[in-house]
Protein backbone atom coordinates (compact mmCIF):
# COMPACT_ATOMS: atom_id res chain seq x y z
CA MET A 1 -7.65 86.37 -6.95
CA THR A 2 -5.02 84.70 -5.37
CA ASP A 3 -3.59 81.38 -7.03
CA ILE A 4 -4.01 78.60 -4.49
CA THR A 5 -1.33 76.65 -6.33
CA ASN A 6 1.45 79.12 -5.71
CA ALA A 7 0.00 80.11 -2.08
CA PRO A 8 2.43 79.40 0.85
CA GLY A 9 1.89 75.70 2.30
CA ALA A 10 -0.04 74.64 -0.89
CA SER A 11 1.50 71.12 -2.33
CA ALA A 12 2.37 71.29 -5.86
CA ARG A 13 0.29 69.08 -8.31
CA PRO A 14 1.84 66.81 -10.99
CA SER A 15 1.14 68.28 -14.48
CA SER A 16 -0.72 65.83 -16.88
CA THR A 17 2.59 65.34 -18.77
CA ASP A 18 3.88 63.84 -15.61
CA LEU A 19 0.81 61.72 -15.19
CA VAL A 20 1.05 60.20 -18.88
CA ALA A 21 4.85 59.59 -18.39
CA ALA A 22 4.16 57.61 -15.12
CA SER A 23 1.50 55.74 -16.85
CA LEU A 24 3.48 54.78 -19.78
CA LYS A 25 6.31 53.64 -17.56
CA ALA A 26 3.95 51.58 -15.63
CA ARG A 27 2.59 49.94 -18.86
CA HIS A 28 5.90 49.31 -20.36
CA ARG A 29 6.95 47.48 -17.12
CA LYS A 30 3.85 45.42 -17.15
CA GLN A 31 4.49 44.72 -21.03
CA LYS A 32 8.24 43.51 -20.24
CA ARG A 33 7.11 41.46 -17.56
CA LEU A 34 4.46 39.72 -19.70
CA GLN A 35 7.29 39.16 -22.28
CA TRP A 36 9.51 37.74 -19.95
CA ILE A 37 6.56 35.31 -18.63
CA GLY A 38 6.08 34.32 -22.02
CA LEU A 39 9.56 33.77 -22.91
CA GLY A 40 10.17 31.71 -19.74
CA ALA A 41 7.05 29.52 -20.71
CA ILE A 42 8.39 28.83 -24.21
CA SER A 43 11.81 28.28 -22.66
CA ILE A 44 10.19 25.68 -20.23
CA ALA A 45 8.40 23.81 -22.99
CA PHE A 46 11.62 23.58 -25.22
CA LEU A 47 13.45 22.45 -22.12
CA MET A 48 10.82 19.65 -21.47
CA LEU A 49 10.87 18.66 -25.33
CA PHE A 50 15.01 18.64 -25.15
CA ILE A 51 14.68 16.27 -22.18
CA LEU A 52 11.93 14.08 -23.64
CA VAL A 53 13.86 13.69 -26.85
CA GLY A 54 17.31 13.52 -25.37
CA SER A 55 16.22 10.67 -23.06
CA LEU A 56 14.72 8.68 -26.00
CA VAL A 57 17.81 9.13 -28.12
CA SER A 58 20.02 8.51 -25.36
CA THR A 59 18.32 5.02 -24.61
CA GLY A 60 16.92 4.00 -28.10
CA TRP A 61 20.01 4.92 -30.39
CA GLN A 62 21.26 1.43 -28.98
CA ALA A 63 18.70 -0.51 -30.96
CA PHE A 64 19.60 0.72 -34.26
CA THR A 65 22.86 -1.21 -34.21
CA GLN A 66 23.05 -5.04 -33.54
CA THR A 67 26.21 -6.97 -32.54
CA HIS A 68 26.94 -9.78 -35.14
CA VAL A 69 29.53 -12.39 -35.19
CA THR A 70 30.93 -14.12 -38.44
CA LEU A 71 31.27 -17.86 -38.43
CA ASP A 72 32.83 -20.33 -41.12
CA VAL A 73 29.97 -23.06 -40.59
CA TYR A 74 30.39 -26.67 -41.66
CA VAL A 75 27.24 -28.22 -42.95
CA ASP A 76 27.82 -31.63 -41.56
CA PRO A 77 25.81 -34.23 -43.61
CA GLU A 78 25.36 -36.35 -40.38
CA GLU A 79 23.83 -33.52 -38.43
CA ILE A 80 22.00 -32.19 -41.62
CA PRO A 81 21.07 -34.86 -43.93
CA GLU A 82 19.19 -33.90 -47.20
CA ALA A 83 16.57 -36.23 -46.65
CA ARG A 84 15.48 -34.76 -43.46
CA LEU A 85 15.34 -31.02 -44.77
CA PRO A 86 14.22 -28.91 -43.63
CA ARG A 87 14.67 -30.61 -40.13
CA GLY A 88 18.38 -31.05 -38.90
CA GLY A 89 20.89 -30.24 -36.34
CA PHE A 90 21.37 -26.54 -37.56
CA ASP A 91 21.95 -25.34 -33.95
CA ASP A 92 24.53 -27.98 -33.30
CA ALA A 93 26.17 -26.97 -36.53
CA LEU A 94 26.33 -23.44 -35.50
CA ALA A 95 27.41 -24.22 -32.01
CA ALA A 96 30.17 -26.37 -33.24
CA SER A 97 31.59 -24.04 -35.57
CA LEU A 98 31.63 -21.45 -33.11
CA GLY A 99 33.41 -23.77 -30.40
CA LYS A 100 36.26 -24.14 -32.78
CA MET A 101 36.72 -20.48 -32.58
CA LEU A 102 37.05 -20.56 -28.74
CA PRO A 103 40.38 -21.83 -27.39
CA GLY A 104 40.22 -24.25 -24.71
CA VAL A 105 36.50 -25.01 -24.89
CA ASP A 106 35.53 -28.40 -24.50
CA MET A 107 32.37 -28.83 -26.99
CA SER A 108 32.21 -32.51 -25.53
CA ASP A 109 30.97 -31.44 -22.45
CA ARG A 110 27.25 -31.02 -22.66
CA ALA A 111 26.70 -27.84 -20.39
CA THR A 112 29.46 -26.13 -21.89
CA ALA A 113 28.20 -26.92 -25.78
CA ARG A 114 24.80 -25.48 -24.42
CA ALA A 115 26.45 -22.58 -23.15
CA VAL A 116 28.37 -21.76 -26.42
CA GLU A 117 25.28 -22.32 -28.32
CA GLN A 118 23.50 -19.50 -26.12
CA VAL A 119 26.03 -17.23 -27.25
CA LEU A 120 24.30 -16.84 -30.81
CA SER A 121 20.86 -15.51 -31.51
CA ASN A 122 18.00 -18.16 -31.47
CA GLY A 123 17.25 -16.86 -34.92
CA ALA A 124 20.81 -17.75 -36.36
CA GLN A 125 19.58 -21.54 -36.73
CA PHE A 126 16.82 -20.42 -39.08
CA GLU A 127 19.04 -18.16 -41.17
CA LEU A 128 21.34 -21.41 -41.68
CA ARG A 129 18.02 -23.55 -42.44
CA ASP A 130 16.94 -21.05 -44.96
CA LYS A 131 20.03 -21.16 -46.76
CA VAL A 132 20.41 -24.96 -46.91
CA VAL A 133 16.74 -25.44 -47.81
CA ALA A 134 17.16 -22.73 -50.58
CA ASP A 135 20.64 -24.52 -51.79
CA PRO A 136 20.96 -28.34 -50.67
CA ALA A 137 24.23 -28.53 -52.41
CA LEU A 138 25.92 -26.58 -49.48
CA ILE A 139 25.46 -29.89 -47.46
CA GLY A 140 29.03 -31.12 -46.85
CA GLN A 141 30.52 -27.41 -47.49
CA THR A 142 31.95 -24.72 -45.04
CA ILE A 143 29.90 -21.31 -45.76
CA ARG A 144 30.78 -18.17 -43.85
CA MET A 145 27.66 -16.53 -42.00
CA THR A 146 27.35 -13.45 -40.23
CA VAL A 147 24.61 -14.15 -37.45
CA PRO A 148 23.38 -11.82 -34.62
CA VAL A 149 24.32 -12.99 -30.99
CA SER A 150 21.79 -13.18 -28.34
CA ASP A 151 20.68 -10.26 -26.44
CA PRO A 152 22.68 -10.74 -23.15
CA PHE A 153 26.04 -10.72 -25.57
CA ASP A 154 24.62 -7.52 -27.50
CA GLN A 155 23.97 -5.69 -24.21
CA LEU A 156 27.58 -6.55 -23.08
CA ASN A 157 29.07 -5.48 -26.60
CA LYS A 158 27.15 -1.96 -26.16
CA GLY A 159 28.29 -1.47 -22.44
CA LEU A 160 24.81 -2.12 -21.01
CA ILE A 161 26.18 -4.85 -18.92
CA ASP A 162 28.82 -3.68 -16.36
CA ARG A 163 31.64 -6.04 -16.16
CA ASP A 164 32.58 -5.22 -12.71
CA THR A 165 29.19 -6.36 -11.40
CA PRO A 166 29.48 -9.46 -9.07
CA GLU A 167 29.11 -12.57 -11.50
CA GLN A 168 26.19 -13.96 -9.50
CA ASN A 169 24.22 -10.56 -10.31
CA ARG A 170 25.20 -10.69 -14.17
CA ARG A 171 23.33 -12.28 -17.08
CA VAL A 172 26.64 -13.10 -18.57
CA LYS A 173 29.37 -15.28 -16.49
CA ASN A 174 33.08 -14.57 -16.32
CA ASN A 175 33.93 -17.44 -18.67
CA GLU A 176 31.56 -16.15 -21.26
CA ILE A 177 32.69 -12.67 -21.28
CA GLN A 178 36.19 -14.35 -21.90
CA TRP A 179 34.58 -16.31 -24.91
CA PHE A 180 33.25 -12.95 -26.30
CA ASP A 181 36.57 -11.12 -25.79
CA ASP A 182 38.40 -14.07 -27.54
CA LEU A 183 35.88 -13.65 -30.68
CA GLU A 184 36.32 -9.82 -30.60
CA ALA A 185 40.19 -10.25 -30.82
CA GLU A 186 39.93 -12.56 -33.68
CA GLY A 187 37.77 -9.71 -35.28
CA ALA A 188 34.67 -11.96 -35.49
CA ILE A 189 32.38 -9.27 -33.75
CA SER A 190 30.74 -6.67 -35.76
CA LYS A 191 27.93 -3.96 -34.87
CA PRO A 192 26.26 -2.92 -38.12
CA PHE A 193 23.17 -0.86 -38.78
CA ASN A 194 20.19 -2.92 -37.51
CA TRP A 195 18.21 -3.23 -40.49
CA ALA A 196 16.02 -6.09 -38.81
CA LEU A 197 14.56 -3.41 -36.74
CA PHE A 198 12.43 -2.53 -39.78
CA THR A 199 12.56 -5.76 -41.71
CA ASN A 200 11.58 -8.35 -38.88
CA ALA A 201 8.12 -8.83 -37.21
CA ASP A 202 7.87 -9.05 -33.56
CA SER A 203 9.74 -11.75 -31.58
CA ARG A 204 10.13 -12.83 -28.02
CA PHE A 205 13.97 -12.39 -28.25
CA PRO A 206 14.88 -8.77 -28.09
CA GLU A 207 17.61 -9.41 -30.84
CA LEU A 208 15.33 -10.33 -33.39
CA ALA A 209 12.31 -8.13 -32.77
CA GLY A 210 11.38 -5.78 -35.32
CA LEU A 211 8.84 -3.03 -36.44
CA LYS A 212 7.61 -4.45 -39.73
CA GLY A 213 4.28 -6.01 -38.59
CA ALA A 214 3.37 -2.66 -36.77
CA LEU A 215 4.42 -0.45 -39.82
CA VAL A 216 2.26 -2.66 -42.24
CA GLY A 217 -0.51 -2.72 -39.68
CA SER A 218 -0.45 1.19 -39.17
CA PHE A 219 -0.37 1.44 -42.85
CA TRP A 220 -3.48 -0.55 -43.37
CA ALA A 221 -5.23 1.13 -40.44
CA LEU A 222 -4.41 4.69 -41.80
CA LEU A 223 -5.44 3.78 -45.36
CA THR A 224 -8.72 2.47 -44.11
CA CYS A 225 -9.44 5.41 -41.97
CA PHE A 226 -8.25 7.92 -44.62
CA LEU A 227 -10.58 6.19 -47.54
CA ILE A 228 -13.60 6.41 -44.86
CA SER A 229 -12.93 9.72 -43.10
CA PHE A 230 -11.76 11.93 -46.09
CA PRO A 231 -15.02 11.82 -48.32
CA LEU A 232 -17.51 11.50 -45.52
CA GLY A 233 -15.64 14.47 -43.63
CA ILE A 234 -15.34 16.77 -46.62
CA GLY A 235 -19.07 15.74 -47.77
CA SER A 236 -20.50 16.37 -44.41
CA ALA A 237 -18.74 19.78 -44.10
CA ILE A 238 -19.82 20.89 -47.41
CA TYR A 239 -23.18 20.22 -46.99
CA LEU A 240 -23.38 22.01 -43.43
CA GLU A 241 -21.39 25.18 -44.59
CA GLU A 242 -22.88 25.72 -48.06
CA PHE A 243 -26.21 23.86 -48.28
CA ALA A 244 -27.78 23.22 -44.99
CA PRO A 245 -30.47 25.45 -43.77
CA LYS A 246 -29.49 27.30 -40.55
CA ASN A 247 -31.99 26.20 -38.02
CA LYS A 248 -32.19 24.20 -34.70
CA LEU A 249 -31.38 20.95 -36.34
CA SER A 250 -28.04 22.12 -38.08
CA ASP A 251 -26.99 23.79 -34.84
CA PHE A 252 -27.77 20.66 -32.85
CA ILE A 253 -25.75 18.77 -35.33
CA GLU A 254 -22.77 21.27 -35.31
CA VAL A 255 -22.43 21.24 -31.41
CA ASN A 256 -22.51 17.63 -31.58
CA ILE A 257 -19.59 17.61 -34.07
CA ASN A 258 -17.69 19.85 -31.88
CA ASN A 259 -18.26 17.88 -28.93
CA LEU A 260 -17.20 14.55 -30.60
CA ALA A 261 -13.83 16.21 -31.43
CA ALA A 262 -13.41 16.39 -27.61
CA VAL A 263 -14.42 12.78 -26.61
CA PRO A 264 -11.47 10.59 -25.27
CA SER A 265 -10.20 8.26 -27.58
CA VAL A 266 -10.84 5.18 -25.14
CA VAL A 267 -14.73 5.77 -25.79
CA PHE A 268 -14.38 5.22 -29.64
CA GLY A 269 -12.60 2.05 -28.71
CA LEU A 270 -15.40 0.97 -26.48
CA LEU A 271 -17.91 1.78 -29.29
CA ALA A 272 -15.74 -0.16 -31.74
CA LEU A 273 -15.61 -3.10 -29.56
CA ALA A 274 -19.32 -3.09 -28.97
CA VAL A 275 -20.46 -2.39 -32.57
CA PHE A 276 -17.85 -3.39 -35.04
CA ILE A 277 -16.88 -6.79 -33.26
CA GLY A 278 -19.83 -7.28 -30.93
CA TRP A 279 -22.84 -6.68 -33.40
CA PHE A 280 -21.10 -6.70 -36.80
CA GLY A 281 -18.81 -9.73 -36.24
CA LEU A 282 -15.82 -8.40 -37.90
CA PRO A 283 -12.42 -9.81 -37.01
CA ARG A 284 -10.66 -8.90 -33.86
CA SER A 285 -7.10 -7.56 -34.04
CA ALA A 286 -7.77 -6.38 -37.92
CA PRO A 287 -6.19 -3.19 -39.06
CA PHE A 288 -9.71 -2.58 -41.14
CA VAL A 289 -11.60 -2.51 -37.68
CA GLY A 290 -8.80 -0.31 -36.37
CA GLY A 291 -9.18 1.99 -39.45
CA LEU A 292 -12.96 2.13 -38.93
CA THR A 293 -12.43 3.22 -35.31
CA LEU A 294 -9.82 5.96 -36.17
CA ALA A 295 -12.12 7.15 -38.89
CA LEU A 296 -14.99 7.86 -36.22
CA MET A 297 -12.27 9.87 -34.27
CA THR A 298 -10.67 11.67 -37.23
CA MET A 299 -14.07 12.58 -39.03
CA PRO A 300 -14.83 15.67 -36.66
CA THR A 301 -11.47 17.03 -36.97
CA ILE A 302 -11.80 16.93 -40.86
CA ILE A 303 -15.30 18.27 -40.70
CA ILE A 304 -14.26 21.20 -38.64
CA ALA A 305 -10.88 21.88 -40.70
CA THR A 306 -12.95 21.94 -43.78
CA ARG A 307 -15.71 24.12 -42.62
CA ALA A 308 -12.98 26.47 -41.44
CA ALA A 309 -11.18 26.39 -44.89
CA LEU A 310 -14.75 26.93 -46.67
CA LYS A 311 -15.55 29.93 -44.43
CA ALA A 312 -11.88 31.46 -45.11
CA VAL A 313 -13.08 31.81 -49.00
CA PRO A 314 -14.08 35.30 -49.33
CA PRO A 315 -17.88 35.83 -50.30
CA SER A 316 -17.02 37.74 -53.44
CA ILE A 317 -15.98 34.62 -54.76
CA ARG A 318 -19.23 33.23 -54.58
CA GLU A 319 -21.06 36.43 -55.39
CA ALA A 320 -18.86 36.78 -58.61
CA ALA A 321 -19.62 33.23 -59.58
CA LEU A 322 -23.62 33.48 -58.94
CA GLY A 323 -23.46 36.66 -60.93
CA LEU A 324 -22.00 35.24 -63.74
CA GLY A 325 -24.85 32.60 -63.60
CA ALA A 326 -23.21 29.78 -62.09
CA SER A 327 -25.62 27.30 -60.25
CA ARG A 328 -24.80 26.93 -56.36
CA GLN A 329 -23.52 23.59 -56.86
CA GLN A 330 -21.00 25.09 -59.42
CA VAL A 331 -20.07 27.67 -57.52
CA VAL A 332 -18.94 25.35 -54.28
CA PHE A 333 -17.33 22.56 -56.43
CA GLN A 334 -15.68 24.64 -59.17
CA HIS A 335 -14.79 27.90 -57.46
CA VAL A 336 -14.95 27.63 -53.48
CA LEU A 337 -13.80 24.01 -52.89
CA PRO A 338 -10.56 24.22 -54.94
CA LEU A 339 -9.47 27.42 -52.94
CA ALA A 340 -10.42 25.92 -49.83
CA MET A 341 -8.39 22.39 -50.76
CA PRO A 342 -5.05 23.52 -48.98
CA GLY A 343 -6.57 24.06 -45.51
CA ILE A 344 -8.83 20.77 -45.90
CA LEU A 345 -5.42 18.97 -46.65
CA THR A 346 -3.62 20.40 -43.79
CA GLY A 347 -6.83 19.40 -41.45
CA THR A 348 -6.77 15.97 -42.79
CA ILE A 349 -2.98 15.20 -42.67
CA ILE A 350 -3.13 16.51 -39.05
CA GLY A 351 -6.20 14.44 -38.16
CA LEU A 352 -4.23 11.36 -39.62
CA ALA A 353 -1.04 12.14 -37.81
CA GLN A 354 -3.29 12.18 -34.41
CA ALA A 355 -4.80 9.03 -35.48
CA LEU A 356 -1.39 7.39 -36.01
CA GLY A 357 -0.50 8.08 -32.42
CA GLU A 358 -3.41 6.74 -30.77
CA THR A 359 -3.25 3.65 -28.68
CA ALA A 360 -6.23 3.13 -26.32
CA PRO A 361 -8.78 2.46 -29.17
CA LEU A 362 -6.45 -0.19 -30.75
CA LEU A 363 -5.91 -2.05 -27.63
CA LEU A 364 -9.43 -2.40 -26.98
CA ILE A 365 -10.16 -3.95 -30.40
CA GLY A 366 -7.17 -6.16 -29.56
CA MET A 367 -4.40 -5.04 -31.76
CA ASN A 368 -1.82 -5.77 -29.00
CA ALA A 369 -1.66 -9.33 -29.95
CA PHE A 370 1.81 -11.15 -30.53
CA ILE A 371 1.97 -11.30 -34.33
CA THR A 372 5.16 -12.74 -35.83
CA SER A 373 4.45 -11.82 -39.32
CA ALA A 374 3.23 -8.70 -41.35
CA ALA A 375 -0.62 -8.67 -42.42
CA SER A 376 -0.87 -8.99 -46.11
CA SER A 377 -4.37 -7.51 -45.86
CA PRO A 378 -6.28 -5.15 -43.76
CA PHE A 379 -8.44 -8.26 -42.33
CA GLU A 380 -5.52 -10.11 -41.11
CA SER A 381 -4.34 -9.80 -37.36
CA ALA A 382 -1.68 -7.06 -36.90
CA THR A 383 -0.39 -4.52 -34.38
CA ALA A 384 0.25 -0.81 -35.07
CA LEU A 385 3.20 1.47 -34.08
CA PRO A 386 1.67 2.49 -30.70
CA THR A 387 0.31 -0.64 -29.73
CA GLN A 388 3.84 -2.40 -30.52
CA ILE A 389 5.25 0.28 -28.17
CA PHE A 390 3.04 -0.50 -25.58
CA ILE A 391 3.81 -4.36 -26.02
CA TRP A 392 7.48 -3.67 -25.71
CA ALA A 393 7.40 -1.37 -22.68
CA ASP A 394 5.46 -4.16 -20.96
CA SER A 395 8.02 -6.83 -21.66
CA PRO A 396 10.44 -7.91 -18.79
CA GLU A 397 13.38 -8.41 -21.25
CA ARG A 398 16.07 -5.87 -20.81
CA GLY A 399 16.69 -5.76 -24.64
CA PHE A 400 13.31 -4.30 -25.23
CA VAL A 401 13.80 -1.07 -23.40
CA SER A 402 16.20 0.41 -26.11
CA ARG A 403 13.90 -1.04 -28.57
CA THR A 404 10.89 0.86 -27.02
CA SER A 405 12.63 4.13 -27.16
CA ALA A 406 13.52 3.34 -30.74
CA ALA A 407 10.08 2.62 -31.74
CA ILE A 408 9.07 6.04 -30.14
CA LEU A 409 11.49 7.74 -32.29
CA VAL A 410 10.36 5.92 -35.37
CA LEU A 411 6.76 7.00 -34.66
CA LEU A 412 7.98 10.52 -33.97
CA GLY A 413 9.60 10.62 -36.97
CA PHE A 414 6.49 9.58 -38.72
CA LEU A 415 4.59 12.38 -37.18
CA VAL A 416 6.97 15.06 -37.68
CA MET A 417 6.97 14.29 -41.41
CA MET A 418 3.49 14.31 -41.73
CA ASN A 419 3.23 17.61 -39.91
CA MET A 420 5.78 19.14 -42.45
CA VAL A 421 4.00 17.64 -45.33
CA ALA A 422 0.85 19.78 -43.84
CA ILE A 423 3.06 22.72 -43.60
CA TYR A 424 4.38 22.55 -46.94
CA LEU A 425 1.00 22.01 -48.57
CA ARG A 426 -0.51 25.11 -46.74
CA GLN A 427 2.44 27.53 -47.61
CA LYS A 428 2.60 26.06 -51.13
CA PHE A 429 -1.20 26.46 -52.27
CA GLU A 430 -2.63 28.68 -49.65
CA ARG A 431 -3.90 32.16 -50.76
CA LYS A 432 -4.05 35.14 -48.77
CA TRP A 433 -6.81 37.45 -49.33
């Protein structure tokens, strides 16, 4: 018989080894292509994150410092008589002391005196008032004070106002720039860390506005959210996973819990507005109502995380405990639940971190009101960190731009810390089977 593969004119067929090698090369090329696509996607994600954080830092770091001026203030008894406390001409006393430090300034001219007074922040007079009210013996004496300047001069010192801009387009006039330069030449200008950003509540004046009220409001709201969602979420998950019969009703409940986890947050805000405020008559803008709303949002997340943690416990644990005579309740609460607790805590912290950053439901229940003091209880009106950011971002004042970015950085810092705690708890207590 003639071998057709060796016959003249017959085409040589590739061997199976060559076919496998070619297939492997093609698969390797596809695998490399997929790896490069994945690396490209990760690189783009990190680039976007870097741009976001970089833009926030470049804009917000200025808010972490505040320009101050040091004055020797004479507490004039004629302007601030002890009999009229806490009333008195505290702003006039500060302006007169500042005018003495400015060469060639005629404080007898009313317009000039008013312009000099506007160099200082509106809160400076209240600092002087509090000092004198606390110690009336200061009347008639000269005291040294370091007070913040107003927002335009703070921006001038931070380079946010261009001196080369035409005077009619600047918030600070040429003579006022000269006053500031004279104060700086005398060493009266300083720029320390802005502790007022954390110790002051909100204010109409950017140089006085702080996050204390928002921090306290977020604390009360998260505390309420935790005290409600944590026990109810864990209890619901334990019942559905360990005790509930597997029937159409339990399947219906499970499907709805999964759907609630994907419902937009604004829907929960509308629900809270209609039920908690409209029907129950709870106070508007209160962190307690905000906590109830956030609890409704967080509970599905906690239930899902708890059920996943309970499922991760090996069945052999349950079987061993039942074999030793433990009841179903003892098995769950003495053996399964302790082993699942790291996963439960991780899911809870992540759920609370998500609740901390929610804005839409809190806006709908009125937690964006202008509040100038921190709430002392969860039933008083307050703001929260996300709503405070919304308020400042909507403000026309130029000084609130940097404070908005700074508040976002503070919020991101809290979120990062909460996620770090969740990762630590998972790695510290998690058991691998």
